Amino acid sequence: MKNLFQFVAAFVAAATLFIAGCASDAGASKTAPVDTSSLQKAFSSADAGVKGSADKVIAAVKAQDYPTAATELQKLAGEVQLTPDQKKAVDTLLGEVKGKLPASVNSLLGK
């Protein structure tokens, strides 16, 4: 009986450490900074209206206002005159920004 207790205690301790390790990895991805350099580069020579939208996204990301950034990125994604590089930059950044949002907000955005 003593061996069974030791086995269960060791198993619970290992499971607790495993879960704690996984939880700390998930939190790190939520706090890592989002890189906007590809969006800045893709929209550096865009027309004023589209560049203004990209600038709003960059400002929102820098302020860690990810819901606003996601909304603006979705508006940008709907623009018909985007180049392939711009579309790629928008899609990539939108994926990163959605990763920063809670699941409840992502469901509202249609993830």
N, C-alpha and C. Protein backbone atom coordinates (compact mmCIF):
# COMPACT_ATOMS: atom_id res chain seq x y z
N MET A 1 0.82 -1.20 0.00
CA MET A 1 0.00 0.00 0.00
C MET A 1 0.86 1.26 0.00
N LYS A 2 1.99 1.20 0.72
CA LYS A 2 2.88 2.33 0.78
C LYS A 2 3.45 2.63 -0.62
N ASN A 3 3.78 1.59 -1.39
CA ASN A 3 4.30 1.78 -2.74
C ASN A 3 3.26 2.41 -3.65
N LEU A 4 2.02 2.03 -3.49
CA LEU A 4 0.93 2.61 -4.29
C LEU A 4 0.79 4.09 -3.98
N PHE A 5 0.86 4.45 -2.71
CA PHE A 5 0.77 5.86 -2.33
C PHE A 5 1.92 6.66 -2.92
N GLN A 6 3.14 6.11 -2.86
CA GLN A 6 4.30 6.80 -3.41
C GLN A 6 4.16 6.97 -4.93
N PHE A 7 3.66 5.94 -5.60
CA PHE A 7 3.46 6.01 -7.04
C PHE A 7 2.45 7.10 -7.40
N VAL A 8 1.33 7.15 -6.70
CA VAL A 8 0.30 8.15 -6.97
C VAL A 8 0.82 9.55 -6.67
N ALA A 9 1.56 9.70 -5.59
CA ALA A 9 2.12 11.01 -5.24
C ALA A 9 3.11 11.47 -6.30
N ALA A 10 3.95 10.55 -6.78
CA ALA A 10 4.92 10.91 -7.82
C ALA A 10 4.21 11.27 -9.11
N PHE A 11 3.15 10.54 -9.46
CA PHE A 11 2.40 10.81 -10.67
C PHE A 11 1.72 12.18 -10.60
N VAL A 12 1.12 12.50 -9.49
CA VAL A 12 0.46 13.79 -9.31
C VAL A 12 1.49 14.92 -9.39
N ALA A 13 2.63 14.74 -8.78
CA ALA A 13 3.67 15.77 -8.84
C ALA A 13 4.16 15.97 -10.26
N ALA A 14 4.37 14.88 -11.00
CA ALA A 14 4.83 15.00 -12.39
C ALA A 14 3.77 15.68 -13.26
N ALA A 15 2.52 15.31 -13.07
CA ALA A 15 1.44 15.92 -13.84
C ALA A 15 1.32 17.41 -13.54
N THR A 16 1.48 17.77 -12.29
CA THR A 16 1.41 19.19 -11.91
C THR A 16 2.54 19.98 -12.55
N LEU A 17 3.74 19.45 -12.54
CA LEU A 17 4.87 20.14 -13.17
C LEU A 17 4.68 20.24 -14.68
N PHE A 18 4.15 19.21 -15.30
CA PHE A 18 3.90 19.23 -16.74
C PHE A 18 2.89 20.31 -17.10
N ILE A 19 1.80 20.35 -16.36
CA ILE A 19 0.75 21.34 -16.63
C ILE A 19 1.27 22.75 -16.37
N ALA A 20 2.03 22.94 -15.33
CA ALA A 20 2.59 24.26 -15.04
C ALA A 20 3.54 24.70 -16.15
N GLY A 21 4.33 23.78 -16.66
CA GLY A 21 5.24 24.12 -17.75
C GLY A 21 4.50 24.51 -19.01
N CYS A 22 3.44 23.80 -19.34
CA CYS A 22 2.64 24.13 -20.52
C CYS A 22 1.96 25.48 -20.36
N ALA A 23 1.48 25.76 -19.18
CA ALA A 23 0.79 27.03 -18.95
C ALA A 23 1.75 28.20 -19.10
N SER A 24 2.98 28.06 -18.66
CA SER A 24 3.92 29.18 -18.78
C SER A 24 4.29 29.42 -20.23
N ASP A 25 4.33 28.39 -21.07
CA ASP A 25 4.60 28.57 -22.49
C ASP A 25 3.47 29.32 -23.16
N ALA A 26 2.24 29.02 -22.82
CA ALA A 26 1.09 29.70 -23.42
C ALA A 26 1.08 31.17 -23.04
N GLY A 27 1.42 31.49 -21.81
CA GLY A 27 1.44 32.89 -21.39
C GLY A 27 2.53 33.68 -22.08
N ALA A 28 3.64 33.03 -22.38
CA ALA A 28 4.75 33.73 -23.04
C ALA A 28 4.36 34.17 -24.44
N SER A 29 3.57 33.36 -25.15
CA SER A 29 3.18 33.75 -26.51
C SER A 29 2.21 34.92 -26.50
N LYS A 30 1.46 35.08 -25.43
CA LYS A 30 0.52 36.20 -25.33
C LYS A 30 1.24 37.51 -25.04
N THR A 31 2.42 37.44 -24.44
CA THR A 31 3.11 38.67 -24.07
C THR A 31 4.26 39.03 -25.02
N ALA A 32 4.62 38.13 -25.92
CA ALA A 32 5.70 38.43 -26.87
C ALA A 32 5.25 39.57 -27.79
N PRO A 33 6.16 40.47 -28.14
CA PRO A 33 5.77 41.60 -28.99
C PRO A 33 5.42 41.15 -30.41
N VAL A 34 4.55 41.92 -31.04
CA VAL A 34 4.14 41.64 -32.42
C VAL A 34 4.99 42.51 -33.34
N ASP A 35 5.57 41.89 -34.35
CA ASP A 35 6.45 42.59 -35.29
C ASP A 35 5.62 43.19 -36.42
N THR A 36 5.66 44.50 -36.56
CA THR A 36 4.90 45.19 -37.61
C THR A 36 5.78 45.62 -38.78
N SER A 37 7.04 45.21 -38.79
CA SER A 37 7.96 45.70 -39.82
C SER A 37 7.54 45.28 -41.23
N SER A 38 7.00 44.08 -41.40
CA SER A 38 6.59 43.66 -42.75
C SER A 38 5.41 44.50 -43.24
N LEU A 39 4.51 44.86 -42.34
CA LEU A 39 3.38 45.71 -42.73
C LEU A 39 3.87 47.10 -43.08
N GLN A 40 4.79 47.64 -42.27
CA GLN A 40 5.35 48.96 -42.55
C GLN A 40 6.02 48.99 -43.92
N LYS A 41 6.80 47.96 -44.20
CA LYS A 41 7.51 47.89 -45.48
C LYS A 41 6.54 47.76 -46.65
N ALA A 42 5.53 46.90 -46.50
CA ALA A 42 4.58 46.65 -47.59
C ALA A 42 3.74 47.88 -47.92
N PHE A 43 3.47 48.72 -46.93
CA PHE A 43 2.61 49.87 -47.14
C PHE A 43 3.37 51.20 -47.20
N SER A 44 4.68 51.16 -47.26
CA SER A 44 5.47 52.39 -47.23
C SER A 44 5.18 53.29 -48.43
N SER A 45 4.86 52.72 -49.57
CA SER A 45 4.59 53.54 -50.76
C SER A 45 3.13 53.46 -51.21
N ALA A 46 2.24 53.04 -50.33
CA ALA A 46 0.81 52.93 -50.67
C ALA A 46 0.18 54.31 -50.73
N ASP A 47 -1.02 54.39 -51.34
CA ASP A 47 -1.71 55.67 -51.39
C ASP A 47 -2.14 56.09 -49.98
N ALA A 48 -2.46 57.34 -49.84
CA ALA A 48 -2.67 57.94 -48.51
C ALA A 48 -3.76 57.24 -47.70
N GLY A 49 -4.86 56.88 -48.33
CA GLY A 49 -5.96 56.26 -47.59
C GLY A 49 -5.60 54.90 -47.02
N VAL A 50 -5.00 54.08 -47.86
CA VAL A 50 -4.61 52.74 -47.43
C VAL A 50 -3.45 52.82 -46.44
N LYS A 51 -2.51 53.71 -46.68
CA LYS A 51 -1.38 53.87 -45.76
C LYS A 51 -1.87 54.37 -44.40
N GLY A 52 -2.88 55.22 -44.40
CA GLY A 52 -3.45 55.68 -43.14
C GLY A 52 -4.04 54.55 -42.32
N SER A 53 -4.70 53.60 -43.00
CA SER A 53 -5.24 52.43 -42.30
C SER A 53 -4.11 51.57 -41.73
N ALA A 54 -3.06 51.40 -42.51
CA ALA A 54 -1.91 50.62 -42.03
C ALA A 54 -1.26 51.30 -40.83
N ASP A 55 -1.19 52.62 -40.87
CA ASP A 55 -0.62 53.37 -39.74
C ASP A 55 -1.47 53.20 -38.48
N LYS A 56 -2.80 53.13 -38.65
CA LYS A 56 -3.70 52.90 -37.49
C LYS A 56 -3.41 51.53 -36.89
N VAL A 57 -3.20 50.53 -37.75
CA VAL A 57 -2.90 49.18 -37.27
C VAL A 57 -1.60 49.19 -36.47
N ILE A 58 -0.58 49.81 -37.03
CA ILE A 58 0.73 49.84 -36.37
C ILE A 58 0.63 50.54 -35.01
N ALA A 59 -0.09 51.65 -34.96
CA ALA A 59 -0.25 52.37 -33.69
C ALA A 59 -1.01 51.51 -32.68
N ALA A 60 -2.04 50.81 -33.14
CA ALA A 60 -2.82 49.96 -32.23
C ALA A 60 -1.98 48.81 -31.69
N VAL A 61 -1.16 48.21 -32.55
CA VAL A 61 -0.30 47.10 -32.10
C VAL A 61 0.71 47.60 -31.09
N LYS A 62 1.32 48.75 -31.36
CA LYS A 62 2.31 49.30 -30.43
C LYS A 62 1.68 49.63 -29.08
N ALA A 63 0.39 50.02 -29.09
CA ALA A 63 -0.32 50.31 -27.85
C ALA A 63 -0.93 49.05 -27.23
N GLN A 64 -0.68 47.90 -27.85
CA GLN A 64 -1.24 46.61 -27.43
C GLN A 64 -2.76 46.63 -27.41
N ASP A 65 -3.34 47.40 -28.32
CA ASP A 65 -4.79 47.45 -28.49
C ASP A 65 -5.15 46.48 -29.62
N TYR A 66 -5.09 45.20 -29.31
CA TYR A 66 -5.23 44.18 -30.33
C TYR A 66 -6.63 44.08 -30.94
N PRO A 67 -7.72 44.35 -30.21
CA PRO A 67 -9.03 44.35 -30.87
C PRO A 67 -9.12 45.40 -31.98
N THR A 68 -8.61 46.60 -31.72
CA THR A 68 -8.62 47.65 -32.75
C THR A 68 -7.73 47.25 -33.92
N ALA A 69 -6.56 46.70 -33.62
CA ALA A 69 -5.65 46.27 -34.68
C ALA A 69 -6.30 45.21 -35.55
N ALA A 70 -6.98 44.25 -34.94
CA ALA A 70 -7.64 43.18 -35.71
C ALA A 70 -8.75 43.74 -36.59
N THR A 71 -9.52 44.67 -36.05
CA THR A 71 -10.61 45.28 -36.83
C THR A 71 -10.05 46.04 -38.03
N GLU A 72 -9.02 46.84 -37.81
CA GLU A 72 -8.40 47.59 -38.91
C GLU A 72 -7.75 46.67 -39.94
N LEU A 73 -7.14 45.58 -39.47
CA LEU A 73 -6.53 44.63 -40.40
C LEU A 73 -7.59 43.95 -41.26
N GLN A 74 -8.74 43.66 -40.67
CA GLN A 74 -9.81 43.06 -41.47
C GLN A 74 -10.33 44.04 -42.52
N LYS A 75 -10.39 45.32 -42.16
CA LYS A 75 -10.77 46.33 -43.15
C LYS A 75 -9.74 46.38 -44.28
N LEU A 76 -8.46 46.37 -43.90
CA LEU A 76 -7.40 46.40 -44.91
C LEU A 76 -7.46 45.16 -45.81
N ALA A 77 -7.74 44.01 -45.23
CA ALA A 77 -7.80 42.78 -46.01
C ALA A 77 -8.90 42.84 -47.08
N GLY A 78 -9.93 43.65 -46.83
CA GLY A 78 -11.02 43.78 -47.78
C GLY A 78 -10.74 44.75 -48.92
N GLU A 79 -9.63 45.45 -48.86
CA GLU A 79 -9.29 46.40 -49.93
C GLU A 79 -8.93 45.63 -51.21
N VAL A 80 -9.53 46.03 -52.34
CA VAL A 80 -9.29 45.30 -53.59
C VAL A 80 -7.98 45.68 -54.26
N GLN A 81 -7.43 46.85 -53.96
CA GLN A 81 -6.23 47.30 -54.66
C GLN A 81 -4.93 46.90 -53.96
N LEU A 82 -4.97 46.00 -53.01
CA LEU A 82 -3.75 45.59 -52.32
C LEU A 82 -2.87 44.74 -53.25
N THR A 83 -1.58 44.94 -53.12
CA THR A 83 -0.63 44.12 -53.86
C THR A 83 -0.50 42.76 -53.16
N PRO A 84 0.07 41.76 -53.83
CA PRO A 84 0.27 40.47 -53.15
C PRO A 84 1.13 40.58 -51.89
N ASP A 85 2.15 41.43 -51.91
CA ASP A 85 2.97 41.63 -50.70
C ASP A 85 2.17 42.25 -49.57
N GLN A 86 1.30 43.21 -49.90
CA GLN A 86 0.47 43.83 -48.88
C GLN A 86 -0.53 42.83 -48.31
N LYS A 87 -1.15 42.02 -49.17
CA LYS A 87 -2.10 41.01 -48.69
C LYS A 87 -1.41 40.03 -47.75
N LYS A 88 -0.19 39.61 -48.12
CA LYS A 88 0.55 38.67 -47.29
C LYS A 88 0.88 39.29 -45.94
N ALA A 89 1.32 40.55 -45.94
CA ALA A 89 1.66 41.23 -44.69
C ALA A 89 0.43 41.38 -43.79
N VAL A 90 -0.71 41.72 -44.39
CA VAL A 90 -1.95 41.86 -43.63
C VAL A 90 -2.36 40.51 -43.03
N ASP A 91 -2.34 39.46 -43.84
CA ASP A 91 -2.75 38.14 -43.35
C ASP A 91 -1.84 37.64 -42.24
N THR A 92 -0.54 37.83 -42.42
CA THR A 92 0.42 37.39 -41.41
C THR A 92 0.23 38.13 -40.09
N LEU A 93 0.11 39.44 -40.17
CA LEU A 93 -0.06 40.23 -38.96
C LEU A 93 -1.41 39.95 -38.30
N LEU A 94 -2.44 39.74 -39.10
CA LEU A 94 -3.76 39.42 -38.54
C LEU A 94 -3.69 38.12 -37.75
N GLY A 95 -2.98 37.13 -38.26
CA GLY A 95 -2.82 35.88 -37.52
C GLY A 95 -2.11 36.09 -36.19
N GLU A 96 -1.07 36.91 -36.19
CA GLU A 96 -0.34 37.19 -34.96
C GLU A 96 -1.22 37.95 -33.96
N VAL A 97 -1.95 38.94 -34.45
CA VAL A 97 -2.80 39.74 -33.57
C VAL A 97 -3.92 38.88 -32.98
N LYS A 98 -4.52 38.03 -33.80
CA LYS A 98 -5.58 37.16 -33.29
C LYS A 98 -5.05 36.23 -32.20
N GLY A 99 -3.78 35.87 -32.29
CA GLY A 99 -3.17 35.04 -31.25
C GLY A 99 -3.06 35.76 -29.92
N LYS A 100 -3.11 37.07 -29.94
CA LYS A 100 -3.03 37.87 -28.72
C LYS A 100 -4.40 38.08 -28.07
N LEU A 101 -5.45 37.78 -28.80
CA LEU A 101 -6.79 38.04 -28.30
C LEU A 101 -7.35 36.85 -27.54
N PRO A 102 -8.20 37.09 -26.57
CA PRO A 102 -8.89 35.98 -25.90
C PRO A 102 -9.81 35.26 -26.89
N ALA A 103 -10.12 34.02 -26.62
CA ALA A 103 -10.95 33.22 -27.51
C ALA A 103 -12.32 33.86 -27.74
N SER A 104 -12.86 34.51 -26.74
CA SER A 104 -14.19 35.13 -26.88
C SER A 104 -14.18 36.23 -27.93
N VAL A 105 -13.11 37.00 -27.99
CA VAL A 105 -13.01 38.07 -28.99
C VAL A 105 -12.78 37.47 -30.37
N ASN A 106 -11.95 36.43 -30.47
CA ASN A 106 -11.72 35.77 -31.75
C ASN A 106 -13.00 35.22 -32.34
N SER A 107 -13.89 34.70 -31.50
CA SER A 107 -15.14 34.16 -32.03
C SER A 107 -16.01 35.27 -32.61
N LEU A 108 -15.94 36.47 -32.05
CA LEU A 108 -16.67 37.60 -32.60
C LEU A 108 -16.09 38.06 -33.93
N LEU A 109 -14.77 37.87 -34.10
CA LEU A 109 -14.09 38.28 -35.33
C LEU A 109 -14.23 37.23 -36.42
N GLY A 110 -14.80 36.08 -36.09
CA GLY A 110 -15.00 35.05 -37.09
C GLY A 110 -13.78 34.19 -37.33
N LYS A 111 -13.01 33.92 -36.29
CA LYS A 111 -11.81 33.09 -36.43
C LYS A 111 -12.20 31.66 -36.67
